[in-house]
Amino acid sequence: MLTDRQKAILKIIIRDYTKTGMPVGSKALAQEFPTHVSSATIRNEMAALESFGLITKTHFSSGRVPSMEGYRYYVDNLVEPDPLDDSAEDLIKSSFRGDFNRIDEIIQESAKVLSDLTNYMAVTFNPEQDNNVRLTGFRLVKLDERQVMAIMVIDNGHVVDKIFQLRNISPDQLQTIVNIMNTELVGRPLNEVVKKLKFDIPALLARYVRSPEGFLNILDEMMTDVGKDKVHIGGRLNLLRFAERQDVDYLKPLYNLLDTGDGVSRIIHSDSNDVEVKIGSELRNELLKNYSIITGTYDVKEYGRGVIAVIGPTRMPYSKVIGIVGALREEMTRKILGYYDQDNK
């Protein structure tokens, strides 16, 4: 159990190290401490914090830096989310003020805003789907003499489209396909849609289309896309700016790890309803040992739950970033629910 003085010293060390990246010494601490305390007393308290494993001495300075355990203690016991300043609040509100045609656009804009506000890499996930999500629309749009776009609409606002080549399919056959899809699939839960595409639809299409296999493959790919986490990334290059090692052998696999939605999805997840922080080794990836991830879950009722996240160095201003994540997820929730309310009118 830390004393109030030890807690105050740990907070100052983390604050100063966040700002400068330099080890913090006893003399500087004594000058910044809110009440008069001698350097000798500060050194004794620092020794105690070091014995607890919360700070550590670097090899090139007599000062101290926070350890991963120190950051963990700070986040769990001492950090308080900062309120948004006026400029951050204005940016969030102005970014969501416009009209959005798809849920994806709201989630993508959230990733950009989160990255702009923190100067770190930001990741936002569409609300995850459950077994009650249904296919609500299917269309085929002829783009030219050879290309057609297939469009699937899901009732959680997710839209999937794919362009494919026409091969010996007449306009009448295209309309027949649309009619079959709307009759057999639209309005059904996605798990039923998958089953019918596998067992029922091939036989129906074969009555009207000579070789339906290519079209069925397109539909399978689209359903796979529907089932995936929809991931949006903002400020990916910001991550590399804070890398402890600026050599290609380290940066290339780090960038590759976070260059795709699948890679990010394996790292970022949250079971908490609150803002959550994972630090360094807790991420269980050697490439991320000097990074932290702050996640916030947003809940849009029957439309599912999604996650927003910030990936930055362990030496980040946690109070500020936690405050931003908390505020943004609330504004996202209001905007997404407003989108659904408007769509249902």
Protein backbone atom coordinates (compact mmCIF):
# COMPACT_ATOMS: atom_id res chain seq x y z
CA MET A 1 0.00 0.00 0.00
CA LEU A 2 1.54 3.29 -1.08
CA THR A 3 1.48 6.36 1.10
CA ASP A 4 -0.06 9.56 -0.26
CA ARG A 5 3.43 11.00 -0.70
CA GLN A 6 4.59 7.97 -2.69
CA LYS A 7 1.50 8.18 -4.89
CA ALA A 8 2.17 11.86 -5.54
CA ILE A 9 5.80 11.14 -6.45
CA LEU A 10 4.81 8.34 -8.83
CA LYS A 11 2.28 10.65 -10.53
CA ILE A 12 4.93 13.36 -10.99
CA ILE A 13 7.46 10.87 -12.40
CA ILE A 14 4.92 9.56 -14.90
CA ARG A 15 3.76 13.06 -15.84
CA ASP A 16 7.30 14.38 -16.39
CA TYR A 17 8.50 11.27 -18.22
CA THR A 18 5.45 11.48 -20.49
CA LYS A 19 6.30 15.06 -21.40
CA THR A 20 10.07 14.78 -21.85
CA GLY A 21 11.00 11.12 -22.24
CA MET A 22 13.85 11.78 -19.82
CA PRO A 23 14.47 10.08 -16.45
CA VAL A 24 13.25 12.12 -13.47
CA GLY A 25 15.67 12.90 -10.62
CA SER A 26 15.10 13.68 -6.96
CA LYS A 27 16.09 17.33 -7.30
CA ALA A 28 13.48 18.01 -9.96
CA LEU A 29 10.90 16.09 -7.96
CA ALA A 30 11.60 18.13 -4.82
CA GLN A 31 11.10 21.35 -6.78
CA GLU A 32 7.79 20.18 -8.25
CA PHE A 33 6.34 18.63 -5.10
CA PRO A 34 3.34 20.66 -3.89
CA THR A 35 4.72 20.95 -0.32
CA HIS A 36 8.28 21.44 0.85
CA VAL A 37 10.12 18.10 1.00
CA SER A 38 13.88 17.63 1.09
CA SER A 39 15.76 15.88 -1.69
CA ALA A 40 16.86 13.24 0.83
CA THR A 41 13.24 12.43 1.69
CA ILE A 42 12.38 12.26 -2.01
CA ARG A 43 15.28 9.87 -2.60
CA ASN A 44 14.06 7.61 0.20
CA GLU A 45 10.55 7.52 -1.24
CA MET A 46 11.93 6.82 -4.71
CA ALA A 47 13.93 3.94 -3.27
CA ALA A 48 10.72 2.55 -1.79
CA LEU A 49 8.90 2.88 -5.13
CA GLU A 50 11.80 1.14 -6.82
CA SER A 51 11.68 -1.72 -4.30
CA PHE A 52 7.97 -2.12 -5.13
CA GLY A 53 8.91 -2.44 -8.80
CA LEU A 54 6.98 0.70 -9.81
CA ILE A 55 9.94 2.74 -11.06
CA THR A 56 13.32 1.74 -12.36
CA LYS A 57 16.76 3.28 -12.83
CA THR A 58 18.12 3.63 -16.33
CA HIS A 59 21.72 2.77 -17.16
CA PHE A 60 22.61 6.29 -18.32
CA SER A 61 21.10 8.50 -15.60
CA SER A 62 20.56 8.69 -11.87
CA GLY A 63 16.92 9.54 -12.52
CA ARG A 64 14.03 7.10 -12.57
CA VAL A 65 11.43 6.10 -15.15
CA PRO A 66 8.13 4.27 -14.66
CA SER A 67 8.16 0.49 -15.05
CA MET A 68 5.31 -1.39 -16.70
CA GLU A 69 4.08 -2.23 -13.20
CA GLY A 70 4.24 1.46 -12.35
CA TYR A 71 2.08 2.36 -15.30
CA ARG A 72 -0.33 -0.41 -14.32
CA TYR A 73 -0.62 0.87 -10.76
CA TYR A 74 -1.07 4.41 -12.03
CA VAL A 75 -3.85 3.46 -14.46
CA ASP A 76 -5.65 1.26 -11.93
CA ASN A 77 -5.40 3.55 -8.91
CA LEU A 78 -4.36 7.10 -9.69
CA VAL A 79 -5.46 8.18 -13.15
CA GLU A 80 -8.49 10.43 -13.59
CA PRO A 81 -9.88 11.08 -17.09
CA ASP A 82 -9.30 14.65 -18.23
CA PRO A 83 -12.38 16.57 -19.38
CA LEU A 84 -12.32 17.54 -23.04
CA ASP A 85 -10.96 20.95 -23.83
CA ASP A 86 -13.06 23.24 -26.03
CA SER A 87 -11.15 22.50 -29.24
CA ALA A 88 -11.51 18.72 -28.83
CA GLU A 89 -15.19 19.02 -28.05
CA ASP A 90 -15.74 21.25 -31.08
CA LEU A 91 -13.89 18.81 -33.36
CA ILE A 92 -15.98 15.85 -32.21
CA LYS A 93 -19.29 17.69 -32.59
CA SER A 94 -18.43 19.22 -35.96
CA SER A 95 -17.23 15.87 -37.33
CA PHE A 96 -20.56 14.20 -36.55
CA ARG A 97 -22.75 17.13 -37.54
CA GLY A 98 -23.16 16.13 -41.16
CA ASP A 99 -25.39 13.49 -42.73
CA PHE A 100 -24.04 9.97 -43.18
CA ASN A 101 -25.41 7.51 -45.71
CA ARG A 102 -23.93 4.37 -44.14
CA ILE A 103 -22.92 3.19 -40.69
CA ASP A 104 -19.44 2.51 -42.07
CA GLU A 105 -19.04 6.24 -42.74
CA ILE A 106 -19.73 7.09 -39.09
CA ILE A 107 -17.29 4.47 -37.82
CA GLN A 108 -14.60 5.55 -40.31
CA GLU A 109 -15.01 9.20 -39.33
CA SER A 110 -14.64 8.17 -35.68
CA ALA A 111 -11.25 6.59 -36.42
CA LYS A 112 -10.07 9.80 -38.09
CA VAL A 113 -11.30 12.01 -35.24
CA LEU A 114 -9.75 9.76 -32.60
CA SER A 115 -6.40 9.78 -34.39
CA ASP A 116 -6.50 13.56 -34.89
CA LEU A 117 -7.26 14.19 -31.22
CA THR A 118 -4.59 11.87 -29.80
CA ASN A 119 -1.92 11.91 -32.55
CA TYR A 120 -1.77 8.12 -32.17
CA MET A 121 -3.08 5.24 -34.25
CA ALA A 122 -6.84 4.81 -33.84
CA VAL A 123 -9.00 1.78 -34.61
CA THR A 124 -12.78 1.59 -34.66
CA PHE A 125 -14.95 -1.49 -35.12
CA ASN A 126 -18.49 -1.68 -36.45
CA PRO A 127 -21.05 -3.02 -33.97
CA GLU A 128 -20.66 -6.78 -33.80
CA GLN A 129 -23.50 -8.80 -35.23
CA ASP A 130 -25.63 -11.37 -33.46
CA ASN A 131 -27.91 -14.14 -34.67
CA ASN A 132 -30.83 -11.72 -35.02
CA VAL A 133 -29.17 -9.61 -37.72
CA ARG A 134 -31.07 -9.99 -40.97
CA LEU A 135 -30.55 -9.50 -44.68
CA THR A 136 -32.86 -6.61 -45.59
CA GLY A 137 -32.01 -5.93 -49.20
CA PHE A 138 -30.43 -7.38 -52.33
CA ARG A 139 -29.86 -5.70 -55.67
CA LEU A 140 -27.98 -6.25 -58.91
CA VAL A 141 -26.90 -3.07 -60.71
CA LYS A 142 -25.68 -3.31 -64.30
CA LEU A 143 -22.64 -1.06 -64.67
CA ASP A 144 -21.92 -1.67 -68.35
CA GLU A 145 -22.23 -4.43 -70.94
CA ARG A 146 -19.90 -6.72 -69.00
CA GLN A 147 -20.01 -5.73 -65.32
CA VAL A 148 -22.63 -6.01 -62.61
CA MET A 149 -22.52 -4.87 -59.00
CA ALA A 150 -24.21 -7.05 -56.38
CA ILE A 151 -25.34 -5.21 -53.23
CA MET A 152 -26.40 -6.74 -49.90
CA VAL A 153 -27.91 -4.62 -47.13
CA ILE A 154 -27.99 -5.80 -43.51
CA ASP A 155 -30.42 -4.38 -40.94
CA ASN A 156 -27.60 -3.11 -38.72
CA GLY A 157 -26.63 -0.66 -41.47
CA HIS A 158 -23.83 -2.76 -42.95
CA VAL A 159 -23.69 -2.71 -46.75
CA VAL A 160 -21.55 -5.11 -48.80
CA ASP A 161 -21.04 -4.75 -52.54
CA LYS A 162 -19.02 -6.64 -55.11
CA ILE A 163 -18.43 -6.18 -58.83
CA PHE A 164 -18.26 -9.20 -61.10
CA GLN A 165 -18.15 -9.99 -64.80
CA LEU A 166 -21.23 -10.98 -66.77
CA ARG A 167 -20.92 -14.36 -68.44
CA ASN A 168 -23.80 -15.50 -70.63
CA ILE A 169 -26.47 -14.01 -68.36
CA SER A 170 -29.28 -12.03 -69.96
CA PRO A 171 -31.13 -9.08 -68.34
CA ASP A 172 -34.12 -11.34 -67.80
CA GLN A 173 -31.95 -13.87 -65.99
CA LEU A 174 -30.52 -11.10 -63.80
CA GLN A 175 -34.02 -10.05 -62.78
CA THR A 176 -34.91 -13.67 -62.06
CA ILE A 177 -31.88 -13.95 -59.78
CA VAL A 178 -32.96 -10.80 -57.92
CA ASN A 179 -36.49 -12.15 -57.53
CA ILE A 180 -35.20 -15.47 -56.15
CA MET A 181 -32.90 -13.72 -53.69
CA ASN A 182 -35.61 -11.38 -52.46
CA THR A 183 -38.15 -14.15 -52.11
CA GLU A 184 -35.89 -16.74 -50.50
CA LEU A 185 -33.34 -14.73 -48.52
CA VAL A 186 -34.38 -11.14 -47.77
CA GLY A 187 -35.82 -10.78 -44.28
CA ARG A 188 -34.09 -13.88 -42.92
CA PRO A 189 -31.37 -14.01 -40.21
CA LEU A 190 -27.88 -14.29 -41.63
CA ASN A 191 -27.33 -17.83 -40.35
CA GLU A 192 -30.41 -18.93 -42.33
CA VAL A 193 -29.20 -17.04 -45.40
CA VAL A 194 -25.90 -18.94 -45.27
CA LYS A 195 -27.70 -22.30 -45.06
CA LYS A 196 -30.06 -21.53 -47.93
CA LEU A 197 -27.19 -20.34 -50.12
CA LYS A 198 -25.54 -23.68 -49.53
CA PHE A 199 -28.49 -26.04 -49.88
CA ASP A 200 -31.52 -24.41 -51.54
CA ILE A 201 -30.45 -21.54 -53.78
CA PRO A 202 -28.11 -23.53 -56.11
CA ALA A 203 -30.95 -25.75 -57.29
CA LEU A 204 -33.28 -22.78 -57.80
CA LEU A 205 -30.72 -20.82 -59.81
CA ALA A 206 -29.83 -23.84 -61.92
CA ARG A 207 -33.37 -23.76 -63.37
CA TYR A 208 -32.75 -20.34 -64.91
CA VAL A 209 -28.97 -19.92 -65.23
CA ARG A 210 -26.86 -22.39 -67.16
CA SER A 211 -23.76 -22.14 -64.91
CA PRO A 212 -24.66 -20.50 -61.56
CA GLU A 213 -21.44 -21.54 -59.80
CA GLY A 214 -19.61 -18.26 -60.46
CA PHE A 215 -22.48 -16.19 -59.14
CA LEU A 216 -22.82 -18.42 -56.07
CA ASN A 217 -19.12 -17.96 -55.36
CA ILE A 218 -19.65 -14.18 -55.43
CA LEU A 219 -22.50 -14.50 -52.92
CA ASP A 220 -20.37 -16.69 -50.65
CA GLU A 221 -17.59 -14.09 -50.69
CA MET A 222 -20.09 -11.36 -49.83
CA MET A 223 -21.50 -13.32 -46.91
CA THR A 224 -17.95 -13.87 -45.66
CA ASP A 225 -17.41 -10.10 -45.80
CA VAL A 226 -20.67 -9.54 -43.90
CA GLY A 227 -19.52 -11.87 -41.13
CA LYS A 228 -16.13 -10.20 -40.67
CA ASP A 229 -15.39 -7.49 -38.16
CA LYS A 230 -15.52 -4.21 -40.04
CA VAL A 231 -12.35 -2.40 -38.98
CA HIS A 232 -11.43 1.21 -39.69
CA ILE A 233 -7.95 2.57 -39.02
CA GLY A 234 -6.81 6.17 -38.64
CA GLY A 235 -3.29 7.54 -38.25
CA ARG A 236 -1.49 4.25 -38.87
CA LEU A 237 1.81 6.02 -39.51
CA ASN A 238 1.58 7.73 -36.11
CA LEU A 239 2.44 4.40 -34.54
CA LEU A 240 5.85 4.35 -36.20
CA ARG A 241 6.73 7.83 -34.96
CA PHE A 242 6.82 6.54 -31.38
CA ALA A 243 8.70 3.33 -32.02
CA GLU A 244 11.57 2.91 -29.57
CA ARG A 245 13.73 1.46 -32.33
CA GLN A 246 13.76 3.14 -35.72
CA ASP A 247 15.36 0.30 -37.67
CA VAL A 248 13.66 -1.32 -40.64
CA ASP A 249 13.92 -4.85 -39.23
CA TYR A 250 11.69 -3.79 -36.33
CA LEU A 251 9.40 -1.26 -38.01
CA LYS A 252 8.46 -3.39 -41.02
CA PRO A 253 6.94 -6.32 -39.06
CA LEU A 254 5.31 -3.83 -36.66
CA TYR A 255 3.69 -2.00 -39.55
CA ASN A 256 2.69 -5.27 -41.24
CA LEU A 257 1.11 -6.49 -38.00
CA LEU A 258 -1.22 -3.50 -37.93
CA ASP A 259 -1.69 -2.98 -41.66
CA THR A 260 -4.79 -5.13 -42.02
CA GLY A 261 -8.10 -5.43 -40.24
CA ASP A 262 -7.41 -9.08 -39.46
CA GLY A 263 -4.10 -8.25 -37.78
CA VAL A 264 -5.66 -5.51 -35.68
CA SER A 265 -8.65 -7.67 -34.74
CA ARG A 266 -6.37 -10.29 -33.24
CA ILE A 267 -4.84 -7.69 -30.93
CA ILE A 268 -7.76 -5.47 -29.97
CA HIS A 269 -10.73 -6.81 -28.08
CA SER A 270 -12.59 -5.77 -24.98
CA ASP A 271 -14.90 -7.60 -22.62
CA SER A 272 -15.41 -4.53 -20.47
CA ASN A 273 -18.25 -2.02 -20.65
CA ASP A 274 -15.86 0.67 -19.47
CA VAL A 275 -12.71 2.23 -20.90
CA GLU A 276 -9.91 -0.33 -20.54
CA VAL A 277 -6.11 -0.05 -20.72
CA LYS A 278 -3.66 -2.83 -21.64
CA ILE A 279 0.04 -2.13 -21.27
CA GLY A 280 3.18 -3.62 -22.81
CA SER A 281 3.52 -7.33 -22.07
CA GLU A 282 -0.23 -7.58 -21.40
CA LEU A 283 -0.69 -7.34 -25.18
CA ARG A 284 1.23 -10.63 -25.55
CA ASN A 285 3.13 -9.56 -28.62
CA GLU A 286 6.84 -8.79 -28.58
CA LEU A 287 6.43 -6.10 -31.23
CA LEU A 288 4.06 -4.20 -28.92
CA LYS A 289 6.00 -4.47 -25.68
CA ASN A 290 6.58 -0.70 -25.61
CA TYR A 291 2.99 0.19 -26.50
CA SER A 292 -0.35 0.49 -24.76
CA ILE A 293 -3.89 0.07 -26.08
CA ILE A 294 -6.82 1.99 -24.65
CA THR A 295 -10.23 0.61 -25.65
CA GLY A 296 -13.75 1.83 -25.14
CA THR A 297 -16.92 -0.14 -25.86
CA TYR A 298 -19.99 1.58 -27.30
CA ASP A 299 -23.43 -0.01 -27.04
CA VAL A 300 -26.10 0.70 -29.66
CA LYS A 301 -28.80 -1.47 -28.09
CA GLU A 302 -30.29 -4.10 -30.40
CA TYR A 303 -27.85 -3.16 -33.14
CA GLY A 304 -24.87 -4.56 -31.23
CA ARG A 305 -21.73 -3.39 -29.46
CA GLY A 306 -18.56 -2.05 -31.01
CA VAL A 307 -15.10 -1.04 -29.87
CA ILE A 308 -12.91 2.01 -30.41
CA ALA A 309 -9.22 1.95 -29.53
CA VAL A 310 -6.04 3.99 -29.41
CA ILE A 311 -2.61 2.38 -29.88
CA GLY A 312 0.25 4.49 -28.60
CA PRO A 313 3.50 4.30 -26.63
CA THR A 314 3.43 3.28 -22.98
CA ARG A 315 4.69 6.82 -22.41
CA MET A 316 1.35 8.37 -23.33
CA PRO A 317 -0.78 10.90 -21.39
CA TYR A 318 -3.30 8.36 -20.07
CA SER A 319 -5.61 10.88 -18.41
CA LYS A 320 -6.01 12.83 -21.64
CA VAL A 321 -6.44 9.80 -23.93
CA ILE A 322 -8.85 8.00 -21.59
CA GLY A 323 -10.95 11.17 -21.44
CA ILE A 324 -11.02 11.43 -25.24
CA VAL A 325 -11.95 7.75 -25.72
CA GLY A 326 -14.76 8.05 -23.18
CA ALA A 327 -16.20 11.19 -24.75
CA LEU A 328 -15.94 9.92 -28.33
CA ARG A 329 -17.69 6.63 -27.64
CA GLU A 330 -20.61 8.53 -26.10
CA GLU A 331 -20.90 10.82 -29.13
CA MET A 332 -20.63 7.82 -31.49
CA THR A 333 -23.42 6.05 -29.63
CA ARG A 334 -25.72 9.06 -30.00
CA LYS A 335 -24.90 9.48 -33.69
CA ILE A 336 -25.37 5.80 -34.58
CA LEU A 337 -28.65 5.49 -32.66
CA GLY A 338 -29.81 8.69 -34.37
CA TYR A 339 -28.93 7.14 -37.74
CA TYR A 340 -31.04 4.07 -36.99
CA ASP A 341 -33.95 6.15 -35.65
CA GLN A 342 -33.94 8.24 -38.81
CA ASP A 343 -33.65 5.16 -41.02
CA ASN A 344 -36.62 3.51 -39.33
CA LYS A 345 -38.98 6.49 -39.83
